[in-house]
Amino acid sequence: MGISSKSLTVPQFSGKEDKYEVWLYKLKAVAVTKEFVDALDKDKCGLPPDPSTVEQETDADKKKQYEQAIKNNKMLMALITMALDNLDLFGL
């Protein structure tokens, strides 16, 4: 039996250094359940060297892997954006 994504909430980050480690573990937990945890690891993320060249990739498997890595990265960035509960953290 899987975990229902409807029951997951985005862990909020206040920007306080002493809260970062706990927040990161919670973020990783959400990323695991959403199946994009590898996007958090630069060595495992699988992003192409130049995302603008993915369409020209001739190896179909590699192209598919790149497209999935780009999708996972976008999901992670959206999650992180939603987690920031203070506009100052955006540098605005």
N, C-alpha and C. Protein backbone atom coordinates (compact mmCIF):
# COMPACT_ATOMS: atom_id res chain seq x y z
N MET A 1 0.84 -1.17 0.00
CA MET A 1 0.00 0.00 0.00
C MET A 1 0.89 1.24 0.00
N GLY A 2 0.66 2.14 -0.95
CA GLY A 2 1.46 3.36 -1.07
C GLY A 2 0.94 4.47 -0.17
N ILE A 3 1.71 5.51 -0.10
CA ILE A 3 1.33 6.68 0.68
C ILE A 3 0.53 7.61 -0.21
N SER A 4 -0.58 8.07 0.27
CA SER A 4 -1.42 8.98 -0.50
C SER A 4 -0.76 10.35 -0.55
N SER A 5 -0.61 10.87 -1.75
CA SER A 5 0.01 12.19 -1.88
C SER A 5 -0.92 13.29 -1.37
N LYS A 6 -2.20 12.99 -1.25
CA LYS A 6 -3.13 13.98 -0.74
C LYS A 6 -2.87 14.30 0.73
N SER A 7 -2.26 13.36 1.45
CA SER A 7 -2.02 13.57 2.88
C SER A 7 -0.69 14.26 3.15
N LEU A 8 0.10 14.49 2.13
CA LEU A 8 1.39 15.15 2.31
C LEU A 8 1.24 16.66 2.27
N THR A 9 2.01 17.30 3.12
CA THR A 9 2.05 18.76 3.09
C THR A 9 3.47 19.21 2.78
N VAL A 10 3.57 20.37 2.19
CA VAL A 10 4.88 20.92 1.88
C VAL A 10 5.49 21.43 3.19
N PRO A 11 6.68 20.94 3.54
CA PRO A 11 7.31 21.43 4.77
C PRO A 11 7.74 22.88 4.59
N GLN A 12 7.32 23.74 5.47
CA GLN A 12 7.64 25.16 5.39
C GLN A 12 9.01 25.44 5.98
N PHE A 13 9.75 26.32 5.33
CA PHE A 13 11.07 26.72 5.82
C PHE A 13 11.05 28.20 6.17
N SER A 14 11.43 28.49 7.38
CA SER A 14 11.39 29.87 7.89
C SER A 14 12.63 30.67 7.54
N GLY A 15 13.68 29.99 7.12
CA GLY A 15 14.95 30.67 6.85
C GLY A 15 15.90 30.64 8.03
N LYS A 16 15.44 30.09 9.15
CA LYS A 16 16.29 30.03 10.34
C LYS A 16 17.25 28.84 10.22
N GLU A 17 18.52 29.14 10.40
CA GLU A 17 19.56 28.13 10.23
C GLU A 17 19.35 26.91 11.12
N ASP A 18 18.91 27.12 12.35
CA ASP A 18 18.74 26.00 13.27
C ASP A 18 17.56 25.09 12.89
N LYS A 19 16.74 25.51 11.95
CA LYS A 19 15.60 24.71 11.49
C LYS A 19 15.87 24.01 10.16
N TYR A 20 17.00 24.35 9.53
CA TYR A 20 17.29 23.86 8.18
C TYR A 20 17.38 22.34 8.08
N GLU A 21 18.13 21.72 8.98
CA GLU A 21 18.36 20.27 8.87
C GLU A 21 17.05 19.48 8.97
N VAL A 22 16.20 19.84 9.90
CA VAL A 22 14.90 19.16 10.05
C VAL A 22 14.06 19.40 8.80
N TRP A 23 14.06 20.64 8.31
CA TRP A 23 13.30 20.95 7.09
C TRP A 23 13.80 20.12 5.91
N LEU A 24 15.12 20.00 5.78
CA LEU A 24 15.69 19.25 4.66
C LEU A 24 15.26 17.78 4.71
N TYR A 25 15.27 17.18 5.90
CA TYR A 25 14.81 15.79 6.02
C TYR A 25 13.35 15.65 5.61
N LYS A 26 12.54 16.62 5.99
CA LYS A 26 11.12 16.58 5.62
C LYS A 26 10.96 16.77 4.11
N LEU A 27 11.75 17.67 3.53
CA LEU A 27 11.71 17.88 2.09
C LEU A 27 12.09 16.60 1.36
N LYS A 28 13.14 15.94 1.83
CA LYS A 28 13.56 14.68 1.21
C LYS A 28 12.47 13.63 1.32
N ALA A 29 11.77 13.59 2.43
CA ALA A 29 10.69 12.61 2.60
C ALA A 29 9.58 12.84 1.57
N VAL A 30 9.23 14.09 1.35
CA VAL A 30 8.22 14.40 0.34
C VAL A 30 8.74 14.03 -1.05
N ALA A 31 10.00 14.36 -1.32
CA ALA A 31 10.59 14.05 -2.62
C ALA A 31 10.64 12.53 -2.87
N VAL A 32 10.87 11.76 -1.83
CA VAL A 32 10.87 10.30 -1.97
C VAL A 32 9.48 9.80 -2.35
N THR A 33 8.47 10.28 -1.65
CA THR A 33 7.11 9.82 -1.92
C THR A 33 6.62 10.26 -3.29
N LYS A 34 7.13 11.39 -3.77
CA LYS A 34 6.74 11.90 -5.09
C LYS A 34 7.65 11.37 -6.19
N GLU A 35 8.65 10.60 -5.81
CA GLU A 35 9.58 9.93 -6.72
C GLU A 35 10.48 10.88 -7.52
N PHE A 36 10.93 11.96 -6.87
CA PHE A 36 11.92 12.81 -7.51
C PHE A 36 13.06 13.18 -6.55
N VAL A 37 13.34 12.27 -5.62
CA VAL A 37 14.38 12.53 -4.62
C VAL A 37 15.77 12.66 -5.26
N ASP A 38 16.02 11.98 -6.38
CA ASP A 38 17.33 12.08 -7.01
C ASP A 38 17.64 13.50 -7.50
N ALA A 39 16.61 14.30 -7.68
CA ALA A 39 16.82 15.68 -8.11
C ALA A 39 17.57 16.48 -7.05
N LEU A 40 17.58 16.00 -5.81
CA LEU A 40 18.30 16.67 -4.72
C LEU A 40 19.80 16.39 -4.73
N ASP A 41 20.23 15.42 -5.51
CA ASP A 41 21.63 14.99 -5.52
C ASP A 41 22.25 15.29 -6.89
N LYS A 42 23.20 16.21 -6.92
CA LYS A 42 23.78 16.61 -8.21
C LYS A 42 24.44 15.44 -8.95
N ASP A 43 24.87 14.42 -8.23
CA ASP A 43 25.50 13.28 -8.87
C ASP A 43 24.48 12.26 -9.39
N LYS A 44 23.26 12.33 -8.90
CA LYS A 44 22.22 11.37 -9.30
C LYS A 44 21.10 11.99 -10.13
N CYS A 45 21.07 13.32 -10.21
CA CYS A 45 19.92 13.99 -10.82
C CYS A 45 19.77 13.69 -12.31
N GLY A 46 20.86 13.46 -13.01
CA GLY A 46 20.79 13.09 -14.42
C GLY A 46 20.45 14.22 -15.36
N LEU A 47 20.60 15.47 -14.91
CA LEU A 47 20.31 16.59 -15.80
C LEU A 47 21.31 16.63 -16.94
N PRO A 48 20.84 17.02 -18.12
CA PRO A 48 21.76 17.11 -19.26
C PRO A 48 22.70 18.30 -19.08
N PRO A 49 23.88 18.24 -19.71
CA PRO A 49 24.81 19.36 -19.62
C PRO A 49 24.19 20.67 -20.13
N ASP A 50 23.38 20.57 -21.16
CA ASP A 50 22.71 21.74 -21.74
C ASP A 50 21.26 21.36 -22.05
N PRO A 51 20.32 21.75 -21.20
CA PRO A 51 18.92 21.36 -21.40
C PRO A 51 18.33 21.79 -22.75
N SER A 52 18.90 22.82 -23.35
CA SER A 52 18.36 23.29 -24.63
C SER A 52 18.67 22.34 -25.78
N THR A 53 19.55 21.37 -25.56
CA THR A 53 19.91 20.44 -26.64
C THR A 53 19.23 19.07 -26.51
N VAL A 54 18.35 18.91 -25.55
CA VAL A 54 17.70 17.61 -25.33
C VAL A 54 16.93 17.15 -26.57
N GLU A 55 16.26 18.06 -27.24
CA GLU A 55 15.47 17.70 -28.43
C GLU A 55 16.34 17.13 -29.54
N GLN A 56 17.60 17.49 -29.58
CA GLN A 56 18.49 16.99 -30.62
C GLN A 56 19.16 15.66 -30.24
N GLU A 57 18.91 15.18 -29.03
CA GLU A 57 19.52 13.93 -28.56
C GLU A 57 19.05 12.78 -29.46
N THR A 58 19.99 12.01 -30.00
CA THR A 58 19.66 10.91 -30.91
C THR A 58 19.42 9.58 -30.19
N ASP A 59 19.97 9.43 -29.01
CA ASP A 59 19.76 8.21 -28.23
C ASP A 59 18.42 8.35 -27.49
N ALA A 60 17.44 7.55 -27.90
CA ALA A 60 16.08 7.67 -27.35
C ALA A 60 16.03 7.44 -25.84
N ASP A 61 16.80 6.47 -25.34
CA ASP A 61 16.81 6.21 -23.90
C ASP A 61 17.41 7.39 -23.13
N LYS A 62 18.51 7.92 -23.63
CA LYS A 62 19.15 9.06 -22.97
C LYS A 62 18.23 10.28 -23.01
N LYS A 63 17.55 10.48 -24.14
CA LYS A 63 16.62 11.60 -24.26
C LYS A 63 15.50 11.47 -23.22
N LYS A 64 14.97 10.27 -23.08
CA LYS A 64 13.90 10.02 -22.10
C LYS A 64 14.40 10.28 -20.68
N GLN A 65 15.64 9.84 -20.38
CA GLN A 65 16.22 10.07 -19.06
C GLN A 65 16.40 11.56 -18.80
N TYR A 66 16.88 12.29 -19.79
CA TYR A 66 17.05 13.73 -19.64
C TYR A 66 15.71 14.42 -19.41
N GLU A 67 14.70 14.04 -20.17
CA GLU A 67 13.37 14.65 -20.02
C GLU A 67 12.81 14.39 -18.63
N GLN A 68 13.01 13.17 -18.11
CA GLN A 68 12.53 12.85 -16.76
C GLN A 68 13.30 13.65 -15.72
N ALA A 69 14.62 13.78 -15.91
CA ALA A 69 15.44 14.54 -14.97
C ALA A 69 15.01 16.02 -14.95
N ILE A 70 14.71 16.57 -16.10
CA ILE A 70 14.26 17.96 -16.17
C ILE A 70 12.91 18.10 -15.47
N LYS A 71 12.01 17.16 -15.69
CA LYS A 71 10.71 17.18 -15.02
C LYS A 71 10.89 17.09 -13.51
N ASN A 72 11.73 16.18 -13.04
CA ASN A 72 11.98 16.02 -11.61
C ASN A 72 12.56 17.29 -11.00
N ASN A 73 13.47 17.93 -11.74
CA ASN A 73 14.06 19.17 -11.25
C ASN A 73 13.02 20.27 -11.13
N LYS A 74 12.13 20.35 -12.09
CA LYS A 74 11.05 21.35 -12.03
C LYS A 74 10.13 21.08 -10.84
N MET A 75 9.83 19.81 -10.58
CA MET A 75 8.99 19.46 -9.44
C MET A 75 9.67 19.86 -8.14
N LEU A 76 10.96 19.58 -8.04
CA LEU A 76 11.71 19.94 -6.83
C LEU A 76 11.74 21.44 -6.63
N MET A 77 12.00 22.19 -7.69
CA MET A 77 12.05 23.64 -7.57
C MET A 77 10.69 24.21 -7.17
N ALA A 78 9.61 23.62 -7.68
CA ALA A 78 8.27 24.07 -7.28
C ALA A 78 8.04 23.78 -5.80
N LEU A 79 8.46 22.61 -5.35
CA LEU A 79 8.30 22.24 -3.95
C LEU A 79 9.08 23.20 -3.04
N ILE A 80 10.31 23.49 -3.42
CA ILE A 80 11.13 24.40 -2.62
C ILE A 80 10.51 25.80 -2.61
N THR A 81 10.02 26.25 -3.73
CA THR A 81 9.38 27.56 -3.80
C THR A 81 8.18 27.62 -2.88
N MET A 82 7.36 26.58 -2.88
CA MET A 82 6.19 26.55 -2.00
C MET A 82 6.59 26.46 -0.53
N ALA A 83 7.78 25.93 -0.26
CA ALA A 83 8.23 25.75 1.12
C ALA A 83 8.70 27.05 1.77
N LEU A 84 9.09 28.02 0.97
CA LEU A 84 9.61 29.26 1.52
C LEU A 84 8.44 30.11 1.99
N ASP A 85 8.36 30.28 3.29
CA ASP A 85 7.20 30.98 3.85
C ASP A 85 7.46 32.46 4.13
N ASN A 86 8.52 32.98 3.57
CA ASN A 86 8.87 34.37 3.82
C ASN A 86 9.42 34.96 2.52
N LEU A 87 8.82 36.02 2.03
CA LEU A 87 9.26 36.62 0.77
C LEU A 87 10.72 37.05 0.82
N ASP A 88 11.25 37.34 2.00
CA ASP A 88 12.65 37.73 2.12
C ASP A 88 13.57 36.59 1.67
N LEU A 89 13.11 35.36 1.80
CA LEU A 89 13.91 34.21 1.39
C LEU A 89 14.06 34.15 -0.13
N PHE A 90 13.17 34.82 -0.85
CA PHE A 90 13.24 34.88 -2.29
C PHE A 90 14.20 35.99 -2.75
N GLY A 91 14.63 36.80 -1.81
CA GLY A 91 15.48 37.92 -2.15
C GLY A 91 14.69 39.08 -2.75
N LEU A 92 13.39 39.11 -2.48
CA LEU A 92 12.54 40.19 -3.02
C LEU A 92 12.40 41.32 -2.02
